[in-house]
Amino acid sequence: MQSVEPMSAVHDELVLLLKQQPNSPDIHDTLLAVEKENTVDLSRDVDLLEGVWDLRWSSSKQPWLKQAPWLENLQVLDPANRRGCNLLRLSGPFGPVGGISVQADLKPVSDQRVEVSFRRGGWVGPRLFGSNRLELMRDVKQSFPAWLDITVLDKQLRICRGNAGTTFALLRRDDLALDDFFD
C-alpha cells in the first residue's frame, strides 16, 4: 500500500477549480503551488496511476486538449500491464458510441517519469453483445520518444508534464473502470 500525503487547502482549491471552473485563469498558479508541496516516487506510488483520468486543464493551445463541456478527454492507465490509452469522445449518453483512441505501452523509467510508446490509433466504438468492440485502428509510427513526468499523484489528482512542455491536470473518474476500455 502506498503512502498518501495529507491534502492541503491549496490542493482542495485546485481540485474544486478543476471540477467547477476548468477554464479559470487561477488554475495555473494554484497548480504550481500544489506541485511545490508534493513529491512523487513511482517506485512507491505507481499503483496510484491505475484508473481512468479526466483531463480537466492543459497548458496546450491545441483545441482537443482544452476543456469543453461537450467533450471528454480521458486517459486510461493500467501500469500493472504496462498499457494505456488516450480517448477523446463526446460527453453524455453518446460517449460510449465511440471516440478517437490512441493506445500506448507504458514504462516507468524513474521516480517521476513514465515512457510512452504509442502503438495504435483510430476509432473505437461500442461493444457488440458484450464482447468484441467495433474499431478501426491503424499502427502508429512514433518518430520521437514520448514521456510524462508525474509531479503530483494521489487518489484524486494527477499533474504531469509532457516531453513537448505541456502541463496537464487530471482528475480520477471513479465512475469508469479499466475494463470499460481494454479487452
N, C-alpha and C. Protein backbone atom coordinates (compact mmCIF):
# COMPACT_ATOMS: atom_id res chain seq x y z
N MET A 1 0.84 -1.19 0.00
CA MET A 1 0.00 0.00 0.00
C MET A 1 0.88 1.24 0.00
N GLN A 2 0.53 2.19 -0.84
CA GLN A 2 1.33 3.40 -0.97
C GLN A 2 0.92 4.43 0.08
N SER A 3 1.89 5.29 0.40
CA SER A 3 1.59 6.36 1.32
C SER A 3 1.01 7.53 0.55
N VAL A 4 0.09 8.21 1.15
CA VAL A 4 -0.55 9.35 0.51
C VAL A 4 -0.39 10.55 1.42
N GLU A 5 0.12 11.63 0.83
CA GLU A 5 0.29 12.86 1.59
C GLU A 5 -1.08 13.41 1.98
N PRO A 6 -1.21 14.03 3.15
CA PRO A 6 -2.49 14.65 3.50
C PRO A 6 -2.79 15.79 2.54
N MET A 7 -4.05 15.99 2.26
CA MET A 7 -4.46 17.04 1.34
C MET A 7 -4.34 18.40 2.01
N SER A 8 -3.92 19.38 1.25
CA SER A 8 -3.79 20.73 1.77
C SER A 8 -4.95 21.58 1.24
N ALA A 9 -5.06 22.77 1.77
CA ALA A 9 -6.10 23.69 1.31
C ALA A 9 -5.89 24.05 -0.15
N VAL A 10 -4.64 24.25 -0.57
CA VAL A 10 -4.38 24.62 -1.96
C VAL A 10 -4.68 23.44 -2.90
N HIS A 11 -4.43 22.21 -2.45
CA HIS A 11 -4.79 21.01 -3.21
C HIS A 11 -6.31 20.98 -3.41
N ASP A 12 -7.04 21.15 -2.31
CA ASP A 12 -8.51 21.11 -2.38
C ASP A 12 -9.05 22.24 -3.26
N GLU A 13 -8.41 23.41 -3.20
CA GLU A 13 -8.82 24.53 -4.05
C GLU A 13 -8.62 24.18 -5.53
N LEU A 14 -7.48 23.55 -5.87
CA LEU A 14 -7.23 23.17 -7.25
C LEU A 14 -8.24 22.14 -7.73
N VAL A 15 -8.51 21.14 -6.92
CA VAL A 15 -9.49 20.11 -7.30
C VAL A 15 -10.86 20.76 -7.55
N LEU A 16 -11.26 21.66 -6.70
CA LEU A 16 -12.55 22.35 -6.87
C LEU A 16 -12.56 23.18 -8.16
N LEU A 17 -11.48 23.90 -8.42
CA LEU A 17 -11.41 24.67 -9.66
C LEU A 17 -11.50 23.76 -10.88
N LEU A 18 -10.77 22.65 -10.85
CA LEU A 18 -10.79 21.72 -11.97
C LEU A 18 -12.17 21.12 -12.20
N LYS A 19 -12.90 20.88 -11.12
CA LYS A 19 -14.25 20.32 -11.25
C LYS A 19 -15.25 21.36 -11.72
N GLN A 20 -15.20 22.57 -11.14
CA GLN A 20 -16.26 23.55 -11.35
C GLN A 20 -15.91 24.65 -12.35
N GLN A 21 -14.64 25.00 -12.47
CA GLN A 21 -14.23 26.10 -13.35
C GLN A 21 -12.95 25.72 -14.10
N PRO A 22 -13.00 24.70 -14.96
CA PRO A 22 -11.77 24.20 -15.59
C PRO A 22 -11.09 25.18 -16.54
N ASN A 23 -11.72 26.27 -16.84
CA ASN A 23 -11.08 27.29 -17.68
C ASN A 23 -10.68 28.52 -16.89
N SER A 24 -10.66 28.41 -15.56
CA SER A 24 -10.31 29.53 -14.69
C SER A 24 -8.85 29.95 -14.89
N PRO A 25 -8.59 31.25 -14.96
CA PRO A 25 -7.21 31.72 -15.06
C PRO A 25 -6.40 31.46 -13.78
N ASP A 26 -7.06 31.12 -12.68
CA ASP A 26 -6.38 30.84 -11.41
C ASP A 26 -5.75 29.45 -11.36
N ILE A 27 -6.10 28.59 -12.29
CA ILE A 27 -5.62 27.21 -12.22
C ILE A 27 -4.11 27.13 -12.31
N HIS A 28 -3.50 27.84 -13.23
CA HIS A 28 -2.05 27.72 -13.43
C HIS A 28 -1.28 28.00 -12.15
N ASP A 29 -1.53 29.12 -11.49
CA ASP A 29 -0.79 29.46 -10.27
C ASP A 29 -1.11 28.49 -9.13
N THR A 30 -2.35 28.06 -9.04
CA THR A 30 -2.73 27.11 -7.99
C THR A 30 -2.04 25.77 -8.24
N LEU A 31 -1.98 25.34 -9.48
CA LEU A 31 -1.31 24.11 -9.86
C LEU A 31 0.18 24.17 -9.47
N LEU A 32 0.83 25.28 -9.74
CA LEU A 32 2.24 25.44 -9.38
C LEU A 32 2.43 25.32 -7.87
N ALA A 33 1.52 25.89 -7.11
CA ALA A 33 1.60 25.81 -5.64
C ALA A 33 1.44 24.37 -5.16
N VAL A 34 0.54 23.63 -5.78
CA VAL A 34 0.34 22.22 -5.40
C VAL A 34 1.59 21.42 -5.76
N GLU A 35 2.18 21.68 -6.91
CA GLU A 35 3.40 20.97 -7.29
C GLU A 35 4.53 21.21 -6.28
N LYS A 36 4.64 22.43 -5.78
CA LYS A 36 5.70 22.76 -4.82
C LYS A 36 5.59 21.98 -3.52
N GLU A 37 4.38 21.62 -3.13
CA GLU A 37 4.20 20.93 -1.85
C GLU A 37 4.12 19.41 -1.97
N ASN A 38 4.34 18.88 -3.17
CA ASN A 38 4.21 17.44 -3.39
C ASN A 38 5.48 16.84 -3.96
N THR A 39 5.69 15.57 -3.66
CA THR A 39 6.73 14.79 -4.29
C THR A 39 6.11 13.47 -4.75
N VAL A 40 6.60 12.98 -5.85
CA VAL A 40 6.12 11.71 -6.40
C VAL A 40 7.29 10.75 -6.45
N ASP A 41 7.04 9.52 -6.06
CA ASP A 41 8.02 8.46 -6.16
C ASP A 41 7.29 7.25 -6.75
N LEU A 42 7.45 7.05 -8.06
CA LEU A 42 6.72 5.98 -8.72
C LEU A 42 7.14 4.59 -8.23
N SER A 43 8.33 4.46 -7.66
CA SER A 43 8.69 3.16 -7.10
C SER A 43 7.78 2.82 -5.92
N ARG A 44 7.21 3.84 -5.31
CA ARG A 44 6.29 3.67 -4.18
C ARG A 44 4.83 3.84 -4.60
N ASP A 45 4.56 4.77 -5.53
CA ASP A 45 3.20 5.22 -5.83
C ASP A 45 2.64 4.77 -7.18
N VAL A 46 3.34 3.89 -7.90
CA VAL A 46 2.92 3.56 -9.26
C VAL A 46 1.48 3.05 -9.32
N ASP A 47 1.01 2.36 -8.28
CA ASP A 47 -0.36 1.84 -8.28
C ASP A 47 -1.40 2.96 -8.33
N LEU A 48 -1.03 4.15 -7.86
CA LEU A 48 -1.96 5.28 -7.91
C LEU A 48 -2.23 5.75 -9.34
N LEU A 49 -1.35 5.40 -10.27
CA LEU A 49 -1.57 5.77 -11.68
C LEU A 49 -2.77 5.03 -12.27
N GLU A 50 -3.04 3.83 -11.77
CA GLU A 50 -4.08 3.00 -12.37
C GLU A 50 -5.45 3.66 -12.29
N GLY A 51 -6.14 3.64 -13.41
CA GLY A 51 -7.51 4.14 -13.43
C GLY A 51 -7.80 4.97 -14.67
N VAL A 52 -8.98 5.56 -14.65
CA VAL A 52 -9.43 6.43 -15.74
C VAL A 52 -9.32 7.85 -15.23
N TRP A 53 -8.61 8.68 -15.97
CA TRP A 53 -8.34 10.07 -15.61
C TRP A 53 -8.97 10.98 -16.63
N ASP A 54 -9.57 12.05 -16.16
CA ASP A 54 -10.26 13.04 -16.99
C ASP A 54 -9.38 14.28 -17.08
N LEU A 55 -8.96 14.62 -18.28
CA LEU A 55 -8.16 15.83 -18.47
C LEU A 55 -9.05 17.04 -18.22
N ARG A 56 -8.72 17.82 -17.20
CA ARG A 56 -9.53 18.98 -16.83
C ARG A 56 -8.87 20.31 -17.19
N TRP A 57 -7.54 20.29 -17.39
CA TRP A 57 -6.83 21.52 -17.74
C TRP A 57 -5.52 21.14 -18.40
N SER A 58 -5.11 21.95 -19.37
CA SER A 58 -3.81 21.75 -20.00
C SER A 58 -3.27 23.11 -20.43
N SER A 59 -1.95 23.22 -20.47
CA SER A 59 -1.31 24.45 -20.92
C SER A 59 -1.23 24.52 -22.44
N SER A 60 -1.65 23.48 -23.12
CA SER A 60 -1.58 23.42 -24.58
C SER A 60 -2.57 24.38 -25.24
N LYS A 61 -2.24 24.80 -26.42
CA LYS A 61 -3.15 25.62 -27.24
C LYS A 61 -3.98 24.75 -28.19
N GLN A 62 -3.70 23.44 -28.23
CA GLN A 62 -4.43 22.54 -29.11
C GLN A 62 -5.89 22.42 -28.65
N PRO A 63 -6.86 22.56 -29.56
CA PRO A 63 -8.27 22.55 -29.15
C PRO A 63 -8.71 21.24 -28.49
N TRP A 64 -8.15 20.10 -28.88
CA TRP A 64 -8.56 18.83 -28.28
C TRP A 64 -7.97 18.64 -26.89
N LEU A 65 -7.06 19.53 -26.47
CA LEU A 65 -6.51 19.47 -25.12
C LEU A 65 -7.07 20.56 -24.23
N LYS A 66 -8.11 21.23 -24.69
CA LYS A 66 -8.80 22.26 -23.91
C LYS A 66 -10.09 21.68 -23.35
N GLN A 67 -10.47 22.13 -22.19
CA GLN A 67 -11.69 21.66 -21.54
C GLN A 67 -12.92 22.21 -22.27
N ALA A 68 -13.86 21.33 -22.57
CA ALA A 68 -15.13 21.71 -23.17
C ALA A 68 -16.21 20.83 -22.54
N PRO A 69 -17.37 21.40 -22.21
CA PRO A 69 -18.41 20.62 -21.53
C PRO A 69 -18.98 19.49 -22.39
N TRP A 70 -18.81 19.55 -23.68
CA TRP A 70 -19.37 18.54 -24.59
C TRP A 70 -18.37 17.46 -24.97
N LEU A 71 -17.17 17.53 -24.39
CA LEU A 71 -16.11 16.62 -24.80
C LEU A 71 -15.42 16.01 -23.57
N GLU A 72 -15.17 14.70 -23.63
CA GLU A 72 -14.38 14.03 -22.60
C GLU A 72 -13.03 13.68 -23.20
N ASN A 73 -11.99 14.06 -22.50
CA ASN A 73 -10.63 13.71 -22.89
C ASN A 73 -10.09 12.83 -21.77
N LEU A 74 -10.13 11.53 -22.00
CA LEU A 74 -9.80 10.56 -20.95
C LEU A 74 -8.43 9.95 -21.19
N GLN A 75 -7.75 9.66 -20.10
CA GLN A 75 -6.51 8.92 -20.16
C GLN A 75 -6.71 7.70 -19.26
N VAL A 76 -6.55 6.54 -19.85
CA VAL A 76 -6.78 5.29 -19.14
C VAL A 76 -5.42 4.63 -18.93
N LEU A 77 -5.05 4.41 -17.67
CA LEU A 77 -3.73 3.88 -17.35
C LEU A 77 -3.84 2.56 -16.60
N ASP A 78 -3.09 1.59 -17.07
CA ASP A 78 -3.02 0.27 -16.47
C ASP A 78 -1.54 -0.10 -16.32
N PRO A 79 -0.85 0.51 -15.33
CA PRO A 79 0.60 0.29 -15.23
C PRO A 79 0.98 -1.15 -14.92
N ALA A 80 0.12 -1.92 -14.26
CA ALA A 80 0.44 -3.31 -13.95
C ALA A 80 0.62 -4.12 -15.23
N ASN A 81 -0.11 -3.75 -16.27
CA ASN A 81 0.00 -4.42 -17.57
C ASN A 81 0.74 -3.58 -18.60
N ARG A 82 1.35 -2.48 -18.13
CA ARG A 82 2.19 -1.59 -18.95
C ARG A 82 1.47 -1.07 -20.18
N ARG A 83 0.20 -0.67 -19.99
CA ARG A 83 -0.56 -0.17 -21.12
C ARG A 83 -1.40 1.03 -20.72
N GLY A 84 -1.79 1.78 -21.72
CA GLY A 84 -2.63 2.93 -21.50
C GLY A 84 -3.27 3.36 -22.80
N CYS A 85 -4.19 4.29 -22.72
CA CYS A 85 -4.77 4.86 -23.93
C CYS A 85 -5.32 6.25 -23.63
N ASN A 86 -5.31 7.06 -24.66
CA ASN A 86 -5.99 8.35 -24.63
C ASN A 86 -7.27 8.17 -25.43
N LEU A 87 -8.36 8.73 -24.95
CA LEU A 87 -9.64 8.61 -25.64
C LEU A 87 -10.34 9.96 -25.64
N LEU A 88 -10.69 10.41 -26.81
CA LEU A 88 -11.44 11.65 -26.99
C LEU A 88 -12.82 11.25 -27.47
N ARG A 89 -13.86 11.61 -26.69
CA ARG A 89 -15.22 11.23 -27.06
C ARG A 89 -16.20 12.29 -26.58
N LEU A 90 -17.41 12.24 -27.12
CA LEU A 90 -18.46 13.17 -26.70
C LEU A 90 -18.88 12.86 -25.27
N SER A 91 -19.26 13.89 -24.54
CA SER A 91 -19.78 13.71 -23.18
C SER A 91 -21.22 13.21 -23.24
N GLY A 92 -21.67 12.68 -22.14
CA GLY A 92 -23.07 12.30 -22.02
C GLY A 92 -23.39 10.96 -22.63
N PRO A 93 -24.65 10.77 -23.02
CA PRO A 93 -25.11 9.46 -23.45
C PRO A 93 -24.47 8.97 -24.75
N PHE A 94 -23.92 9.88 -25.55
CA PHE A 94 -23.31 9.46 -26.82
C PHE A 94 -21.85 9.05 -26.67
N GLY A 95 -21.25 9.27 -25.51
CA GLY A 95 -19.86 8.92 -25.28
C GLY A 95 -19.52 7.47 -25.60
N PRO A 96 -20.29 6.51 -25.09
CA PRO A 96 -19.97 5.11 -25.34
C PRO A 96 -20.14 4.68 -26.80
N VAL A 97 -20.75 5.52 -27.63
CA VAL A 97 -20.93 5.16 -29.05
C VAL A 97 -19.58 5.07 -29.75
N GLY A 98 -18.62 5.85 -29.30
CA GLY A 98 -17.30 5.77 -29.91
C GLY A 98 -16.50 7.02 -29.70
N GLY A 99 -15.25 6.91 -30.07
CA GLY A 99 -14.35 8.04 -29.95
C GLY A 99 -13.03 7.75 -30.63
N ILE A 100 -12.15 8.71 -30.56
CA ILE A 100 -10.82 8.58 -31.13
C ILE A 100 -9.88 8.13 -30.01
N SER A 101 -9.16 7.04 -30.26
CA SER A 101 -8.30 6.46 -29.24
C SER A 101 -6.88 6.28 -29.77
N VAL A 102 -5.93 6.47 -28.89
CA VAL A 102 -4.53 6.14 -29.18
C VAL A 102 -4.06 5.23 -28.05
N GLN A 103 -3.62 4.03 -28.42
CA GLN A 103 -3.16 3.06 -27.43
C GLN A 103 -1.65 3.15 -27.31
N ALA A 104 -1.16 2.92 -26.09
CA ALA A 104 0.27 3.06 -25.85
C ALA A 104 0.77 2.01 -24.87
N ASP A 105 2.08 1.76 -24.95
CA ASP A 105 2.77 0.97 -23.95
C ASP A 105 3.37 1.95 -22.95
N LEU A 106 3.30 1.63 -21.67
CA LEU A 106 3.81 2.48 -20.61
C LEU A 106 4.96 1.79 -19.89
N LYS A 107 5.96 2.59 -19.50
CA LYS A 107 7.08 2.03 -18.76
C LYS A 107 7.64 3.09 -17.82
N PRO A 108 7.45 2.92 -16.50
CA PRO A 108 8.11 3.84 -15.56
C PRO A 108 9.62 3.69 -15.71
N VAL A 109 10.32 4.82 -15.88
CA VAL A 109 11.76 4.77 -16.09
C VAL A 109 12.55 5.51 -15.01
N SER A 110 11.84 6.23 -14.12
CA SER A 110 12.50 6.89 -13.00
C SER A 110 11.45 7.14 -11.92
N ASP A 111 11.83 7.86 -10.87
CA ASP A 111 10.90 8.14 -9.77
C ASP A 111 9.70 8.95 -10.22
N GLN A 112 9.84 9.74 -11.29
CA GLN A 112 8.74 10.57 -11.75
C GLN A 112 8.35 10.33 -13.20
N ARG A 113 9.21 9.74 -13.99
CA ARG A 113 8.99 9.68 -15.44
C ARG A 113 8.42 8.34 -15.90
N VAL A 114 7.43 8.45 -16.82
CA VAL A 114 6.85 7.30 -17.49
C VAL A 114 7.10 7.47 -18.97
N GLU A 115 7.73 6.48 -19.57
CA GLU A 115 7.96 6.48 -21.02
C GLU A 115 6.68 5.99 -21.70
N VAL A 116 6.32 6.64 -22.80
CA VAL A 116 5.09 6.33 -23.52
C VAL A 116 5.45 5.99 -24.97
N SER A 117 5.09 4.78 -25.40
CA SER A 117 5.32 4.36 -26.78
C SER A 117 3.96 4.12 -27.43
N PHE A 118 3.57 5.01 -28.32
CA PHE A 118 2.27 4.90 -28.97
C PHE A 118 2.30 3.75 -29.98
N ARG A 119 1.24 2.92 -29.98
CA ARG A 119 1.19 1.73 -30.83
C ARG A 119 0.14 1.81 -31.93
N ARG A 120 -1.09 2.13 -31.53
CA ARG A 120 -2.21 2.10 -32.47
C ARG A 120 -3.12 3.28 -32.21
N GLY A 121 -3.78 3.74 -33.25
CA GLY A 121 -4.73 4.83 -33.08
C GLY A 121 -5.86 4.72 -34.08
N GLY A 122 -6.99 5.31 -33.73
CA GLY A 122 -8.14 5.29 -34.63
C GLY A 122 -9.45 5.41 -33.88
N TRP A 123 -10.50 4.91 -34.48
CA TRP A 123 -11.84 4.99 -33.92
C TRP A 123 -12.16 3.71 -33.17
N VAL A 124 -12.71 3.86 -31.97
CA VAL A 124 -13.21 2.72 -31.20
C VAL A 124 -14.69 2.97 -30.91
N GLY A 125 -15.45 1.93 -31.07
CA GLY A 125 -16.88 2.04 -30.86
C GLY A 125 -17.36 1.18 -29.71
N PRO A 126 -18.66 0.94 -29.67
CA PRO A 126 -19.23 0.17 -28.56
C PRO A 126 -18.94 -1.32 -28.68
N ARG A 127 -19.13 -2.01 -27.58
CA ARG A 127 -19.03 -3.47 -27.59
C ARG A 127 -20.31 -4.03 -28.22
N LEU A 128 -20.13 -5.05 -29.00
CA LEU A 128 -21.29 -5.73 -29.59
C LEU A 128 -21.63 -6.94 -28.75
N PHE A 129 -22.82 -6.97 -28.24
CA PHE A 129 -23.31 -8.10 -27.46
C PHE A 129 -22.38 -8.43 -26.30
N GLY A 130 -21.77 -7.40 -25.72
CA GLY A 130 -20.95 -7.57 -24.53
C GLY A 130 -19.58 -8.17 -24.75
N SER A 131 -19.16 -8.38 -26.00
CA SER A 131 -17.84 -9.00 -26.18
C SER A 131 -16.92 -8.09 -27.00
N ASN A 132 -16.83 -8.33 -28.28
CA ASN A 132 -15.89 -7.57 -29.11
C ASN A 132 -16.35 -6.14 -29.33
N ARG A 133 -15.38 -5.26 -29.43
CA ARG A 133 -15.63 -3.84 -29.65
C ARG A 133 -15.42 -3.53 -31.14
N LEU A 134 -16.31 -2.72 -31.69
CA LEU A 134 -16.10 -2.23 -33.04
C LEU A 134 -14.92 -1.26 -33.02
N GLU A 135 -14.02 -1.39 -33.99
CA GLU A 135 -12.90 -0.45 -34.04
C GLU A 135 -12.27 -0.42 -35.42
N LEU A 136 -11.75 0.73 -35.74
CA LEU A 136 -10.96 0.94 -36.95
C LEU A 136 -9.64 1.55 -36.50
N MET A 137 -8.64 0.70 -36.35
CA MET A 137 -7.36 1.13 -35.78
C MET A 137 -6.23 0.90 -36.79
N ARG A 138 -5.21 1.75 -36.70
CA ARG A 138 -4.01 1.61 -37.52
C ARG A 138 -2.79 1.70 -36.60
N ASP A 139 -1.72 1.08 -37.06
CA ASP A 139 -0.47 1.21 -36.31
C ASP A 139 0.02 2.65 -36.37
N VAL A 140 0.61 3.10 -35.28
CA VAL A 140 1.16 4.45 -35.19
C VAL A 140 2.67 4.36 -35.35
N LYS A 141 3.22 5.19 -36.21
CA LYS A 141 4.67 5.27 -36.39
C LYS A 141 5.18 6.42 -35.54
N GLN A 142 5.61 6.11 -34.34
CA GLN A 142 6.10 7.14 -33.42
C GLN A 142 7.56 7.44 -33.75
N SER A 143 7.84 8.67 -34.12
CA SER A 143 9.19 9.04 -34.54
C SER A 143 9.97 9.79 -33.47
N PHE A 144 9.41 9.89 -32.27
CA PHE A 144 10.08 10.63 -31.21
C PHE A 144 9.82 9.93 -29.87
N PRO A 145 10.74 10.06 -28.94
CA PRO A 145 10.49 9.48 -27.62
C PRO A 145 9.49 10.35 -26.86
N ALA A 146 8.48 9.73 -26.30
CA ALA A 146 7.47 10.47 -25.53
C ALA A 146 7.57 10.06 -24.08
N TRP A 147 7.29 11.00 -23.19
CA TRP A 147 7.31 10.71 -21.77
C TRP A 147 6.44 11.71 -21.03
N LEU A 148 6.08 11.32 -19.83
CA LEU A 148 5.36 12.18 -18.89
C LEU A 148 6.12 12.18 -17.57
N ASP A 149 6.38 13.37 -17.04
CA ASP A 149 6.90 13.49 -15.69
C ASP A 149 5.71 13.75 -14.77
N ILE A 150 5.48 12.85 -13.84
CA ILE A 150 4.37 12.96 -12.90
C ILE A 150 4.84 13.81 -11.73
N THR A 151 4.21 14.95 -11.52
CA THR A 151 4.65 15.87 -10.46
C THR A 151 3.74 15.85 -9.23
N VAL A 152 2.49 15.45 -9.42
CA VAL A 152 1.54 15.30 -8.31
C VAL A 152 0.72 14.05 -8.61
N LEU A 153 0.57 13.20 -7.60
CA LEU A 153 -0.19 11.97 -7.80
C LEU A 153 -0.80 11.54 -6.48
N ASP A 154 -2.13 11.49 -6.47
CA ASP A 154 -2.84 10.93 -5.32
C ASP A 154 -4.10 10.25 -5.85
N LYS A 155 -4.98 9.86 -4.97
CA LYS A 155 -6.17 9.11 -5.39
C LYS A 155 -7.16 9.96 -6.18
N GLN A 156 -6.97 11.26 -6.19
CA GLN A 156 -7.93 12.16 -6.81
C GLN A 156 -7.34 12.99 -7.95
N LEU A 157 -6.08 13.38 -7.83
CA LEU A 157 -5.46 14.37 -8.71
C LEU A 157 -4.14 13.86 -9.26
N ARG A 158 -3.92 14.15 -10.55
CA ARG A 158 -2.62 13.87 -11.17
C ARG A 158 -2.22 15.08 -12.00
N ILE A 159 -1.02 15.56 -11.78
CA ILE A 159 -0.45 16.63 -12.58
C ILE A 159 0.80 16.05 -13.23
N CYS A 160 0.93 16.30 -14.52
CA CYS A 160 2.11 15.80 -15.22
C CYS A 160 2.54 16.78 -16.29
N ARG A 161 3.81 16.63 -16.67
CA ARG A 161 4.41 17.47 -17.71
C ARG A 161 4.94 16.56 -18.79
N GLY A 162 4.57 16.86 -20.04
CA GLY A 162 4.96 16.02 -21.15
C GLY A 162 6.25 16.47 -21.81
N ASN A 163 6.76 15.61 -22.69
CA ASN A 163 8.02 15.89 -23.36
C ASN A 163 7.95 17.12 -24.27
N ALA A 164 6.76 17.56 -24.68
CA ALA A 164 6.63 18.74 -25.52
C ALA A 164 6.47 20.02 -24.69
N GLY A 165 6.56 19.88 -23.34
CA GLY A 165 6.47 21.04 -22.47
C GLY A 165 5.07 21.36 -21.97
N THR A 166 4.10 20.56 -22.32
CA THR A 166 2.72 20.79 -21.90
C THR A 166 2.50 20.26 -20.49
N THR A 167 1.78 21.04 -19.69
CA THR A 167 1.39 20.62 -18.35
C THR A 167 -0.07 20.18 -18.41
N PHE A 168 -0.38 19.08 -17.72
CA PHE A 168 -1.72 18.52 -17.70
C PHE A 168 -2.19 18.37 -16.26
N ALA A 169 -3.46 18.64 -16.00
CA ALA A 169 -4.08 18.38 -14.70
C ALA A 169 -5.29 17.48 -14.95
N LEU A 170 -5.30 16.34 -14.28
CA LEU A 170 -6.35 15.35 -14.49
C LEU A 170 -6.96 14.95 -13.16
N LEU A 171 -8.25 14.62 -13.21
CA LEU A 171 -8.97 14.10 -12.04
C LEU A 171 -9.40 12.67 -12.31
N ARG A 172 -9.30 11.85 -11.28
CA ARG A 172 -9.71 10.45 -11.41
C ARG A 172 -11.22 10.35 -11.62
N ARG A 173 -11.62 9.45 -12.51
CA ARG A 173 -13.04 9.17 -12.76
C ARG A 173 -13.36 7.82 -12.13
N ASP A 174 -13.91 7.83 -10.92
CA ASP A 174 -14.24 6.58 -10.24
C ASP A 174 -15.48 5.91 -10.83
N ASP A 175 -16.21 6.61 -11.69
CA ASP A 175 -17.41 6.03 -12.30
C ASP A 175 -17.07 5.19 -13.54
N LEU A 176 -15.82 5.18 -13.95
CA LEU A 176 -15.39 4.40 -15.12
C LEU A 176 -14.30 3.42 -14.68
N ALA A 177 -14.26 2.26 -15.33
CA ALA A 177 -13.30 1.22 -14.96
C ALA A 177 -12.41 0.86 -16.15
N LEU A 178 -11.24 0.31 -15.84
CA LEU A 178 -10.32 -0.12 -16.90
C LEU A 178 -10.99 -1.08 -17.87
N ASP A 179 -11.82 -1.97 -17.33
CA ASP A 179 -12.50 -2.97 -18.17
C ASP A 179 -13.39 -2.33 -19.23
N ASP A 180 -13.81 -1.08 -19.00
CA ASP A 180 -14.63 -0.39 -19.99
C ASP A 180 -13.83 -0.03 -21.24
N PHE A 181 -12.49 -0.06 -21.16
CA PHE A 181 -11.64 0.43 -22.24
C PHE A 181 -10.69 -0.59 -22.81
N PHE A 182 -10.36 -1.63 -22.04
CA PHE A 182 -9.44 -2.65 -22.51
C PHE A 182 -10.16 -3.98 -22.62
N ASP A 183 -9.87 -4.71 -23.67
CA ASP A 183 -10.45 -6.04 -23.84
C ASP A 183 -9.62 -7.07 -23.11
